[in-house]
Protein backbone atom coordinates (compact mmCIF):
# COMPACT_ATOMS: atom_id res chain seq x y z
CA MET A 1 -14.68 -7.21 6.31
CA GLY A 2 -13.25 -4.46 4.16
CA PRO A 3 -13.44 -3.64 0.49
CA THR A 4 -12.51 -6.23 -2.13
CA LYS A 5 -8.77 -6.17 -2.74
CA ALA A 6 -8.11 -5.73 -6.45
CA ILE A 7 -5.10 -5.63 -8.76
CA ILE A 8 -4.63 -4.06 -12.19
CA LYS A 9 -3.50 -6.18 -15.15
CA ASP A 10 -3.53 -4.76 -18.68
CA GLN A 11 -5.95 -1.93 -17.82
CA ALA A 12 -8.41 -4.39 -16.24
CA LEU A 13 -9.33 -5.09 -12.61
CA TYR A 14 -9.12 -8.53 -11.01
CA GLU A 15 -9.68 -9.78 -7.47
CA ALA A 16 -6.25 -10.05 -5.84
CA SER A 17 -6.90 -13.29 -3.94
CA THR A 18 -8.73 -15.32 -6.60
CA GLY A 19 -7.80 -13.67 -9.89
CA LYS A 20 -11.49 -13.36 -10.74
CA PHE A 21 -12.21 -10.77 -13.45
CA ILE A 22 -13.98 -7.61 -12.23
CA LYS A 23 -14.02 -5.10 -15.13
CA ASP A 24 -11.96 -3.96 -18.11
CA GLY A 25 -12.07 -1.24 -20.77
CA PHE A 26 -10.40 1.50 -18.75
CA ALA A 27 -8.59 4.14 -20.81
CA SER A 28 -6.48 5.58 -17.99
CA ARG A 29 -5.41 5.12 -14.38
CA HIS A 30 -7.74 7.99 -13.48
CA GLU A 31 -10.74 5.98 -14.78
CA ILE A 32 -9.63 2.95 -12.74
CA ASP A 33 -9.26 5.04 -9.58
CA ASP A 34 -12.71 6.57 -10.12
CA TYR A 35 -14.29 3.13 -10.60
CA VAL A 36 -12.55 1.76 -7.48
CA LYS A 37 -13.80 4.66 -5.34
CA HIS A 38 -17.41 4.01 -6.32
CA HIS A 39 -17.46 0.18 -6.11
CA TYR A 40 -16.01 -0.69 -2.67
CA LEU A 41 -12.68 -1.90 -4.06
CA ALA A 42 -9.12 -1.32 -2.85
CA LEU A 43 -5.95 -1.12 -4.93
CA PRO A 44 -2.41 -1.79 -3.72
CA VAL A 45 -0.49 1.11 -2.19
CA ILE A 46 1.83 2.80 -4.70
CA ASP A 47 4.92 4.95 -4.21
CA ASN A 48 5.47 8.40 -5.74
CA ALA A 49 6.77 6.79 -8.97
CA GLY A 50 3.62 4.65 -9.36
CA ASN A 51 5.16 1.31 -8.31
CA ALA A 52 3.03 -0.95 -6.09
CA TRP A 53 4.29 -1.87 -2.64
CA GLN A 54 5.03 -5.58 -2.26
CA LEU A 55 5.94 -7.67 0.75
CA ASP A 56 7.14 -11.21 0.03
CA GLY A 57 5.96 -10.76 -3.57
CA LYS A 58 2.39 -9.86 -2.58
CA PRO A 59 0.71 -6.45 -2.82
CA ILE A 60 0.01 -4.32 0.25
CA TYR A 61 -3.28 -2.50 0.87
CA CYS A 62 -3.96 0.49 3.12
CA TYR A 63 -7.15 1.18 5.07
CA ARG A 64 -8.04 4.30 7.03
CA GLY A 65 -4.78 5.95 6.03
CA SER A 66 -2.50 3.96 8.32
CA GLN A 67 -3.55 0.30 8.57
CA TYR A 68 -1.65 -1.89 6.14
CA GLU A 69 -2.69 -5.43 5.16
CA THR A 70 -1.53 -8.20 2.86
CA VAL A 71 -3.84 -9.96 0.40
CA ASP A 72 -4.57 -12.62 3.02
CA ASP A 73 -5.77 -9.97 5.55
CA ARG A 74 -2.61 -10.12 7.70
CA ARG A 75 -1.91 -6.73 9.31
CA VAL A 76 1.66 -5.53 8.90
CA HIS A 77 3.48 -2.62 10.55
CA LEU A 78 4.55 -0.40 7.65
CA ALA A 79 4.79 3.32 6.99
CA ARG A 80 5.04 5.54 3.92
CA CYS A 81 8.48 7.06 3.31
CA PRO A 82 8.23 10.87 3.43
CA ASP A 83 10.86 11.17 0.66
CA CYS A 84 9.87 8.72 -2.09
CA GLY A 85 6.53 7.32 -0.90
CA GLY A 86 8.07 3.84 -0.71
CA MET A 87 7.36 1.13 1.81
CA GLY A 88 9.00 1.62 5.18
CA ILE A 89 9.62 -1.38 7.42
CA ARG A 90 10.48 -1.26 11.12
CA ALA A 91 14.21 -1.67 11.73
CA ASP A 92 15.38 -4.53 13.96
CA GLU A 93 16.46 -2.12 16.70
CA PHE A 94 14.08 -2.27 19.65
CA VAL A 95 14.32 1.07 21.43
CA VAL A 96 11.46 2.33 23.56
CA GLU A 97 11.88 5.99 22.59
CA SER A 98 12.04 5.32 18.86
CA ASP A 99 10.04 3.61 16.14
CA CYS A 100 12.78 3.52 13.50
CA ILE A 101 11.46 2.78 10.02
CA ARG A 102 13.68 2.15 6.97
CA CYS A 103 12.42 2.63 3.41
CA THR A 104 12.96 -0.47 1.27
CA GLN A 105 13.26 1.65 -1.86
CA CYS A 106 15.52 4.60 -1.02
CA GLY A 107 16.97 3.49 2.34
CA HIS A 108 15.78 6.62 4.18
CA GLU A 109 15.44 6.07 7.95
CA PHE A 110 12.75 7.92 9.86
CA ASP A 111 10.72 7.72 13.06
CA ALA A 112 7.06 7.18 12.18
CA ARG A 113 5.77 8.62 15.46
CA LEU A 114 7.96 11.72 15.08
CA GLU A 115 6.80 12.20 11.47
CA MET A 116 3.13 12.09 12.58
CA MET A 117 3.74 14.64 15.34
CA GLU A 118 5.44 17.05 12.92
CA THR A 119 2.58 17.00 10.38
């Protein structure tokens, strides 16, 4: 069991699955991030422009830097786009040598395994 998945609405935190109120009164995103870090909460993954990743209209959460989950704890194979920070989804091409990922936001195609080896 991981941290409680939370969402931000009007500078307040709510549980993502139930909508239960957690805390409000935050003056900035920095204050929210600081609170989340100290209270075993997780926020949805955001791109470089600050927009939350969504799959089928539901937010996506990241654990341990590379494990992505939906609100209902379903693991999904996603990757962060190296260009815009958007959500990359595996392309329908099944090739053994490649793990082709396509960004849903900017359309950039990249190989997640190759990106990891280069960094």
